[in-house]
Structures are given as C-alpha cells and as structure tokens.
Amino acid sequence: MNNRTIEIIIGTTGEIQIDAVGFKGPDCEMATKFLEEALGVVGQKIKKPEYHQRNSARNQQRIGG
C-alpha cells in the first residue's frame, strides 16, 4: 500500500513549501497544482528523485524455468 501525503510548511518569514510525499512522476505536480494556484506565485520547484521514477507497476514476465 502506498501512503501519499502532501506536506505544507510555512516558514517564520511567510515562505511556503509544499512537499508531495509518496508520489512518483508527474503525479506529484498534479497533486499539488491546486495548492500552488490557491497560494499564488511559485518561487522554486525542486524535483525529488521520486519524480524520475515510473508511476505504473511493472509487469514482469519470467521465461523458462
């Protein structure tokens, strides 16, 4: 089971950080888009290693045996 959460961190000077945890590939951008639009200007986006992983389950097939 994949636990996905969206963490919103508000700094003492008002900066906002949105972190999509448990998402892979472009799903993280889709999950946080509504928050980015509601909160306004996006300063910087940092893509975590999970972004570059495939989202779909791999189909493995064993030949021989």
C-alpha atoms as a PDB file:
ATOM      1  CA  MET A   1       0.000   0.000   0.000  1.00  0.00           C
ATOM      2  CA  ASN A   2       1.323   3.416  -0.936  1.00  0.00           C
ATOM      3  CA  ASN A   3       0.779   6.177   1.611  1.00  0.00           C
ATOM      4  CA  ARG A   4       0.659   9.548  -0.073  1.00  0.00           C
ATOM      5  CA  THR A   5       0.610  12.831   1.775  1.00  0.00           C
ATOM      6  CA  ILE A   6       1.024  16.485   0.933  1.00  0.00           C
ATOM      7  CA  GLU A   7       3.013  18.458   3.482  1.00  0.00           C
ATOM      8  CA  ILE A   8       2.700  22.230   3.649  1.00  0.00           C
ATOM      9  CA  ILE A   9       5.405  24.029   5.615  1.00  0.00           C
ATOM     10  CA  ILE A  10       5.036  27.745   6.351  1.00  0.00           C
ATOM     11  CA  GLY A  11       8.237  29.442   7.462  1.00  0.00           C
ATOM     12  CA  THR A  12       8.517  32.206  10.018  1.00  0.00           C
ATOM     13  CA  THR A  13       9.014  34.779   7.264  1.00  0.00           C
ATOM     14  CA  GLY A  14       5.968  33.586   5.303  1.00  0.00           C
ATOM     15  CA  GLU A  15       7.633  31.355   2.724  1.00  0.00           C
ATOM     16  CA  ILE A  16       5.593  28.291   1.846  1.00  0.00           C
ATOM     17  CA  GLN A  17       6.985  24.888   0.965  1.00  0.00           C
ATOM     18  CA  ILE A  18       4.764  22.163  -0.493  1.00  0.00           C
ATOM     19  CA  ASP A  19       6.103  18.622  -0.414  1.00  0.00           C
ATOM     20  CA  ALA A  20       4.320  15.728  -2.110  1.00  0.00           C
ATOM     21  CA  VAL A  21       5.402  12.574  -0.273  1.00  0.00           C
ATOM     22  CA  GLY A  22       4.832   9.133  -1.772  1.00  0.00           C
ATOM     23  CA  PHE A  23       4.040  10.382  -5.281  1.00  0.00           C
ATOM     24  CA  LYS A  24       6.060   9.353  -8.339  1.00  0.00           C
ATOM     25  CA  GLY A  25       6.497  11.013 -11.691  1.00  0.00           C
ATOM     26  CA  PRO A  26       4.200  13.863 -12.697  1.00  0.00           C
ATOM     27  CA  ASP A  27       1.583  12.732 -10.158  1.00  0.00           C
ATOM     28  CA  CYS A  28       3.258  14.978  -7.570  1.00  0.00           C
ATOM     29  CA  GLU A  29       2.747  18.055  -9.754  1.00  0.00           C
ATOM     30  CA  MET A  30      -0.867  17.136 -10.406  1.00  0.00           C
ATOM     31  CA  ALA A  31      -1.455  16.574  -6.677  1.00  0.00           C
ATOM     32  CA  THR A  32      -0.057  19.967  -5.654  1.00  0.00           C
ATOM     33  CA  LYS A  33      -1.259  22.091  -8.585  1.00  0.00           C
ATOM     34  CA  PHE A  34      -4.440  23.239  -6.827  1.00  0.00           C
ATOM     35  CA  LEU A  35      -2.399  24.374  -3.816  1.00  0.00           C
ATOM     36  CA  GLU A  36       0.086  26.273  -5.982  1.00  0.00           C
ATOM     37  CA  GLU A  37      -2.773  28.035  -7.754  1.00  0.00           C
ATOM     38  CA  ALA A  38      -4.541  28.863  -4.483  1.00  0.00           C
ATOM     39  CA  LEU A  39      -1.391  30.123  -2.749  1.00  0.00           C
ATOM     40  CA  GLY A  40      -0.087  32.216  -5.635  1.00  0.00           C
ATOM     41  CA  VAL A  41       3.386  32.615  -7.073  1.00  0.00           C
ATOM     42  CA  VAL A  42       5.731  29.640  -7.144  1.00  0.00           C
ATOM     43  CA  GLY A  43       9.306  30.615  -6.366  1.00  0.00           C
ATOM     44  CA  GLN A  44      11.193  27.410  -6.977  1.00  0.00           C
ATOM     45  CA  LYS A  45      10.320  23.809  -7.768  1.00  0.00           C
ATOM     46  CA  ILE A  46      12.683  21.053  -6.754  1.00  0.00           C
ATOM     47  CA  LYS A  47      12.076  17.630  -8.240  1.00  0.00           C
ATOM     48  CA  LYS A  48      12.995  14.824  -5.873  1.00  0.00           C
ATOM     49  CA  PRO A  49      14.409  11.508  -7.128  1.00  0.00           C
ATOM     50  CA  GLU A  50      10.902  10.031  -6.888  1.00  0.00           C
ATOM     51  CA  TYR A  51       9.810  12.334  -9.704  1.00  0.00           C
ATOM     52  CA  HIS A  52      12.027  10.427 -12.115  1.00  0.00           C
ATOM     53  CA  GLN A  53      10.659   7.014 -11.108  1.00  0.00           C
ATOM     54  CA  ARG A  54       7.913   5.354 -13.077  1.00  0.00           C
ATOM     55  CA  ASN A  55       4.443   5.546 -11.592  1.00  0.00           C
ATOM     56  CA  SER A  56       2.934   2.409 -13.070  1.00  0.00           C
ATOM     57  CA  ALA A  57       3.526  -1.039 -11.669  1.00  0.00           C
ATOM     58  CA  ARG A  58       5.987  -3.077 -13.644  1.00  0.00           C
ATOM     59  CA  ASN A  59       4.755  -6.123 -15.434  1.00  0.00           C
ATOM     60  CA  GLN A  60       7.377  -8.813 -15.144  1.00  0.00           C
ATOM     61  CA  GLN A  61       7.318 -11.979 -17.111  1.00  0.00           C
ATOM     62  CA  ARG A  62       9.526 -14.958 -16.482  1.00  0.00           C
ATOM     63  CA  ILE A  63      10.527 -17.085 -19.425  1.00  0.00           C
ATOM     64  CA  GLY A  64      11.898 -20.570 -18.945  1.00  0.00           C
ATOM     65  CA  GLY A  65      12.286 -22.055 -15.588  1.00  0.00           C
END
